[in-house]
Amino acid sequence: MDRTVATADATLMDPESGAPPLDGLPRQRTTSRAAPSSAGVAPAPAPSLSAGPAPVPPSVARSAPRRLPRLWLLLPSPLGTPFTFAYALVLVVTSLVAEYADPSFVHVLHQASSTDVAHLMRDPLLVLVASALWVAGGVTSPYALGFLLVLTALERRTGGRRTAGVFLLGHVLATLATEVPVGFAVLAGHLPDSSLHRLDYGISFGVAACVGALTGLLTPWLRCTILVVFGGSLVADLVEFADPMTDWGHLMALSIGIGMWPVVRRWQRARTSGRPGAVAAASGC
């Protein structure tokens, strides 16, 4: 007698042999049937693991931040650093005068601009400003290059008026700190009267003060490198004892700039607050 198969179990027939499932055993699974796809809609192909990354849209690629440093930010510009740019033009003019004018005429100009004790007692404001219009050694001297790089970087971070203030503070204080003791030494009889007319001019005191102030705005490793190299060269000059008054003035000016770290850091925060682009531009120079 043939055994009949229930309708519910008919769907569980073995697709290969056509036999019903065995009695007394749990219902056996049959081969999985593909889910019916919607009419007229082909199934989406599986993503290929070997395919490369999806292409970046041109608009997104253009908005990616630029990683390369902008070297032109190292030099002054009339719009970005107007104080350093204008001051550099003045120094170029005075350096050309010192190079090509009659030597006797240049000596008279230097003597009139000297911040010696005699001039400081007679016309202090005039000689303090006039002495900062000359570059000792011309535009090829190390302090001329330092002027361009250091003042440009400091002005981009703090502004033109504040950079001028740091430069003048170092120039004036270091000059007074080196010349006033000379005057007292002459009065005490320890130096001859000719020391009152000592030739003293140039931008080196102001540049040294700006170097000290700028290092307070740099990363620690760059700050230490600059202070070790620059400060070591100043100490080496002092050990040579070729011009001790000027060498002491350079160390004093550098110390004045270092003492202004809290001030210049506050200036930088005030300048870059609310201006994210200013921070990126300052870090690139």
Protein backbone atom coordinates (compact mmCIF):
# COMPACT_ATOMS: atom_id res chain seq x y z
CA MET A 1 0.00 0.00 0.00
CA ASP A 2 1.43 3.26 -1.07
CA ARG A 3 2.04 5.85 1.62
CA THR A 4 0.54 9.25 0.84
CA VAL A 5 2.50 12.48 1.59
CA ALA A 6 0.82 15.43 3.23
CA THR A 7 0.52 18.61 1.23
CA ALA A 8 2.63 20.50 3.77
CA ASP A 9 5.34 17.90 3.42
CA ALA A 10 5.19 17.83 -0.33
CA THR A 11 7.15 20.98 -0.42
CA LEU A 12 9.92 19.23 1.50
CA MET A 13 10.47 16.54 -1.13
CA ASP A 14 14.11 15.95 -1.98
CA PRO A 15 14.62 17.92 -5.18
CA GLU A 16 17.07 15.31 -6.52
CA SER A 17 15.42 11.97 -5.65
CA GLY A 18 11.83 13.13 -5.27
CA ALA A 19 11.50 11.07 -2.04
CA PRO A 20 9.66 12.32 1.04
CA PRO A 21 11.58 12.92 4.27
CA LEU A 22 12.08 9.99 6.62
CA ASP A 23 9.53 9.36 9.35
CA GLY A 24 10.61 9.77 12.94
CA LEU A 25 13.35 12.19 12.16
CA PRO A 26 13.29 15.96 12.46
CA ARG A 27 12.20 17.71 9.35
CA GLN A 28 15.16 17.83 7.06
CA ARG A 29 16.27 21.13 5.50
CA THR A 30 16.24 21.31 1.80
CA THR A 31 18.53 23.35 -0.38
CA SER A 32 18.00 27.07 0.06
CA ARG A 33 15.80 28.64 -2.52
CA ALA A 34 16.69 31.99 -3.99
CA ALA A 35 14.40 34.77 -2.88
CA PRO A 36 12.23 35.97 -5.68
CA SER A 37 13.43 39.24 -7.08
CA SER A 38 11.17 42.06 -7.95
CA ALA A 39 9.90 41.98 -11.44
CA GLY A 40 12.12 43.78 -13.87
CA VAL A 41 14.73 44.69 -11.21
CA ALA A 42 18.11 42.98 -11.39
CA PRO A 43 19.86 42.26 -8.07
CA ALA A 44 22.65 44.67 -7.20
CA PRO A 45 26.10 43.21 -7.82
CA ALA A 46 28.22 42.47 -4.76
CA PRO A 47 31.06 44.92 -4.22
CA SER A 48 34.37 43.69 -5.50
CA LEU A 49 37.09 43.40 -2.88
CA SER A 50 39.79 43.97 -5.48
CA ALA A 51 38.42 47.33 -6.54
CA GLY A 52 40.46 50.39 -5.55
CA PRO A 53 39.25 53.27 -3.34
CA ALA A 54 36.40 55.39 -4.55
CA PRO A 55 37.55 58.46 -6.49
CA VAL A 56 37.53 61.72 -4.55
CA PRO A 57 35.24 64.39 -6.03
CA PRO A 58 37.14 67.38 -7.48
CA SER A 59 35.44 69.79 -5.08
CA VAL A 60 36.65 67.78 -2.08
CA ALA A 61 40.15 67.45 -3.50
CA ARG A 62 40.39 71.20 -3.99
CA SER A 63 39.31 71.88 -0.41
CA ALA A 64 42.01 69.63 1.11
CA PRO A 65 44.54 71.61 3.19
CA ARG A 66 47.90 72.34 1.62
CA ARG A 67 50.78 70.66 3.40
CA LEU A 68 53.69 72.29 1.60
CA PRO A 69 55.27 75.29 3.41
CA ARG A 70 54.88 78.63 1.73
CA LEU A 71 58.44 79.90 1.61
CA TRP A 72 57.42 83.38 0.49
CA LEU A 73 56.04 83.96 4.00
CA LEU A 74 59.62 84.04 5.28
CA LEU A 75 60.24 87.41 3.58
CA PRO A 76 58.51 90.74 4.23
CA SER A 77 55.75 92.02 2.00
CA PRO A 78 54.06 95.44 1.79
CA LEU A 79 50.66 94.03 2.80
CA GLY A 80 51.56 91.19 5.14
CA THR A 81 54.40 92.88 7.06
CA PRO A 82 54.35 96.61 6.25
CA PHE A 83 56.64 97.65 9.12
CA THR A 84 59.42 95.20 8.27
CA PHE A 85 59.06 95.88 4.54
CA ALA A 86 59.30 99.68 4.89
CA TYR A 87 62.13 99.45 7.41
CA ALA A 88 64.06 97.11 5.10
CA LEU A 89 63.77 99.61 2.24
CA VAL A 90 65.21 102.35 4.47
CA LEU A 91 68.12 100.10 5.44
CA VAL A 92 68.80 99.29 1.79
CA VAL A 93 69.01 103.00 0.98
CA THR A 94 71.33 103.81 3.89
CA SER A 95 73.50 100.77 3.07
CA LEU A 96 73.87 101.97 -0.54
CA VAL A 97 74.85 105.41 0.75
CA ALA A 98 77.45 103.85 3.05
CA GLU A 99 78.79 101.72 0.19
CA TYR A 100 79.04 104.27 -2.62
CA ALA A 101 79.17 107.74 -1.00
CA ASP A 102 82.38 109.52 -0.12
CA PRO A 103 83.98 107.81 2.92
CA SER A 104 84.51 111.09 4.76
CA PHE A 105 80.86 112.02 4.28
CA VAL A 106 79.77 108.58 5.50
CA HIS A 107 81.97 108.93 8.57
CA VAL A 108 80.33 112.25 9.41
CA LEU A 109 76.88 110.64 9.11
CA HIS A 110 77.89 107.72 11.32
CA GLN A 111 79.42 110.03 13.89
CA ALA A 112 76.28 112.17 13.99
CA SER A 113 74.14 109.04 14.44
CA SER A 114 76.32 107.46 17.11
CA THR A 115 74.72 106.70 20.47
CA ASP A 116 77.84 107.56 22.44
CA VAL A 117 77.64 109.28 25.82
CA ALA A 118 78.25 112.75 24.41
CA HIS A 119 75.37 112.49 21.91
CA LEU A 120 73.05 110.82 24.42
CA MET A 121 73.53 113.71 26.79
CA ARG A 122 72.90 116.29 24.07
CA ASP A 123 70.29 114.79 21.68
CA PRO A 124 69.16 111.43 23.09
CA LEU A 125 65.98 110.93 21.04
CA LEU A 126 67.61 111.97 17.77
CA VAL A 127 70.61 109.67 18.02
CA LEU A 128 68.60 106.72 19.36
CA VAL A 129 66.44 106.84 16.22
CA ALA A 130 69.23 107.77 13.79
CA SER A 131 71.55 105.00 15.00
CA ALA A 132 68.92 102.40 14.05
CA LEU A 133 68.98 103.52 10.40
CA TRP A 134 72.34 101.91 9.66
CA VAL A 135 73.51 98.33 9.27
CA ALA A 136 77.02 97.75 10.54
CA GLY A 137 78.68 95.72 7.79
CA GLY A 138 76.08 96.51 5.09
CA VAL A 139 73.25 94.42 3.73
CA THR A 140 75.48 91.34 3.49
CA SER A 141 76.06 91.15 7.25
CA PRO A 142 74.44 88.34 9.29
CA TYR A 143 72.32 90.85 11.19
CA ALA A 144 70.82 92.13 7.92
CA LEU A 145 69.61 88.61 7.06
CA GLY A 146 68.45 88.10 10.63
CA PHE A 147 66.53 91.36 10.43
CA LEU A 148 64.52 90.13 7.42
CA LEU A 149 63.73 86.66 8.76
CA VAL A 150 63.21 87.43 12.44
CA LEU A 151 61.21 90.64 12.16
CA THR A 152 59.06 89.16 9.39
CA ALA A 153 58.18 86.12 11.51
CA LEU A 154 57.53 88.24 14.59
CA GLU A 155 55.36 90.74 12.74
CA ARG A 156 53.22 88.00 11.19
CA ARG A 157 52.51 86.70 14.68
CA THR A 158 52.09 89.91 16.69
CA GLY A 159 51.59 92.81 14.25
CA GLY A 160 53.69 95.71 13.01
CA ARG A 161 53.36 98.14 15.92
CA ARG A 162 54.16 95.48 18.50
CA THR A 163 57.17 94.28 16.53
CA ALA A 164 58.41 97.87 16.33
CA GLY A 165 57.93 98.15 20.08
CA VAL A 166 60.03 95.04 20.76
CA PHE A 167 62.76 96.26 18.40
CA LEU A 168 62.91 99.76 19.91
CA LEU A 169 62.79 98.46 23.47
CA GLY A 170 65.78 96.21 22.90
CA HIS A 171 67.63 98.90 20.94
CA VAL A 172 67.10 101.64 23.52
CA LEU A 173 67.55 99.63 26.74
CA ALA A 174 70.64 97.77 25.54
CA THR A 175 72.17 101.03 24.32
CA LEU A 176 71.59 102.79 27.64
CA ALA A 177 72.78 99.75 29.58
CA THR A 178 76.12 99.81 27.76
CA GLU A 179 76.71 103.55 27.43
CA VAL A 180 75.62 104.81 30.85
CA PRO A 181 78.30 102.75 32.65
CA VAL A 182 80.88 104.25 30.28
CA GLY A 183 79.86 107.73 31.37
CA PHE A 184 80.18 106.83 35.05
CA ALA A 185 83.53 105.18 34.40
CA VAL A 186 84.82 108.38 32.75
CA LEU A 187 83.60 110.45 35.69
CA ALA A 188 85.35 108.10 38.09
CA GLY A 189 88.56 108.34 36.12
CA HIS A 190 88.64 104.69 35.07
CA LEU A 191 88.27 105.50 31.35
CA PRO A 192 89.68 108.36 29.25
CA ASP A 193 87.52 111.21 27.96
CA SER A 194 87.77 109.78 24.43
CA SER A 195 85.36 107.02 25.53
CA LEU A 196 82.60 109.62 25.58
CA HIS A 197 82.78 109.77 21.77
CA ARG A 198 82.77 106.04 21.10
CA LEU A 199 81.26 105.20 17.68
CA ASP A 200 78.11 103.13 18.24
CA TYR A 201 75.35 102.59 15.68
CA GLY A 202 73.43 99.76 13.99
CA ILE A 203 70.38 97.50 14.29
CA SER A 204 72.01 94.57 16.08
CA PHE A 205 70.54 95.32 19.54
CA GLY A 206 67.01 95.51 18.15
CA VAL A 207 67.44 92.32 16.12
CA ALA A 208 68.80 90.45 19.15
CA ALA A 209 65.76 91.52 21.21
CA CYS A 210 63.40 90.34 18.45
CA VAL A 211 65.21 86.99 18.29
CA GLY A 212 64.63 86.51 22.01
CA ALA A 213 60.96 87.50 21.75
CA LEU A 214 60.31 85.32 18.69
CA THR A 215 61.66 82.17 20.33
CA GLY A 216 58.87 82.38 22.88
CA LEU A 217 56.34 81.80 20.07
CA LEU A 218 58.09 78.78 18.51
CA THR A 219 57.98 75.07 19.25
CA PRO A 220 60.25 73.91 22.09
CA TRP A 221 62.83 72.15 19.91
CA LEU A 222 63.14 75.11 17.52
CA ARG A 223 63.26 77.55 20.44
CA CYS A 224 66.10 75.65 22.11
CA THR A 225 68.02 75.31 18.84
CA ILE A 226 67.90 79.05 18.09
CA LEU A 227 68.78 80.07 21.63
CA VAL A 228 71.71 77.65 21.80
CA VAL A 229 73.13 78.64 18.40
CA PHE A 230 72.53 82.40 18.63
CA GLY A 231 73.28 82.72 22.33
CA GLY A 232 76.39 80.58 21.95
CA SER A 233 77.71 82.84 19.21
CA LEU A 234 77.17 85.91 21.41
CA VAL A 235 79.02 84.27 24.29
CA ALA A 236 81.85 83.31 21.94
CA ASP A 237 82.14 86.94 20.80
CA LEU A 238 82.26 88.08 24.40
CA VAL A 239 85.02 85.59 25.22
CA GLU A 240 87.12 86.96 22.36
CA PHE A 241 86.92 90.37 24.09
CA ALA A 242 87.20 92.26 20.79
CA ASP A 243 84.33 94.67 21.56
CA PRO A 244 83.05 93.80 25.05
CA MET A 245 80.60 96.70 25.34
CA THR A 246 78.78 95.74 22.14
CA ASP A 247 78.90 92.03 22.99
CA TRP A 248 77.40 92.69 26.42
CA GLY A 249 74.73 94.78 24.72
CA HIS A 250 73.79 91.88 22.46
CA LEU A 251 73.36 89.53 25.43
CA MET A 252 71.30 92.14 27.27
CA ALA A 253 69.06 92.68 24.23
CA LEU A 254 68.53 88.93 23.87
CA SER A 255 67.60 88.74 27.56
CA ILE A 256 65.15 91.61 27.12
CA GLY A 257 63.41 89.70 24.31
CA ILE A 258 63.25 86.52 26.38
CA GLY A 259 61.75 88.49 29.25
CA MET A 260 58.92 89.54 26.91
CA TRP A 261 57.66 86.00 26.29
CA PRO A 262 54.45 86.41 28.35
CA VAL A 263 53.68 89.66 26.55
CA VAL A 264 54.30 88.44 22.99
CA ARG A 265 52.36 85.25 23.65
CA ARG A 266 49.40 87.32 24.81
CA TRP A 267 49.77 89.47 21.69
CA GLN A 268 49.73 86.41 19.47
CA ARG A 269 46.63 85.00 21.13
CA ALA A 270 44.86 88.34 20.76
CA ARG A 271 45.84 88.56 17.09
CA THR A 272 44.85 85.02 16.13
CA SER A 273 41.67 84.68 18.24
CA GLY A 274 38.74 84.13 15.94
CA ARG A 275 41.03 83.93 12.90
CA PRO A 276 41.90 80.26 12.23
CA GLY A 277 43.64 81.15 8.98
CA ALA A 278 46.04 83.44 10.81
CA VAL A 279 47.30 80.56 12.94
CA ALA A 280 47.98 78.42 9.87
CA ALA A 281 49.78 81.27 8.11
CA ALA A 282 51.92 82.00 11.14
CA SER A 283 52.93 78.34 11.54
CA GLY A 284 54.04 78.17 7.93
CA CYS A 285 56.72 80.86 8.16
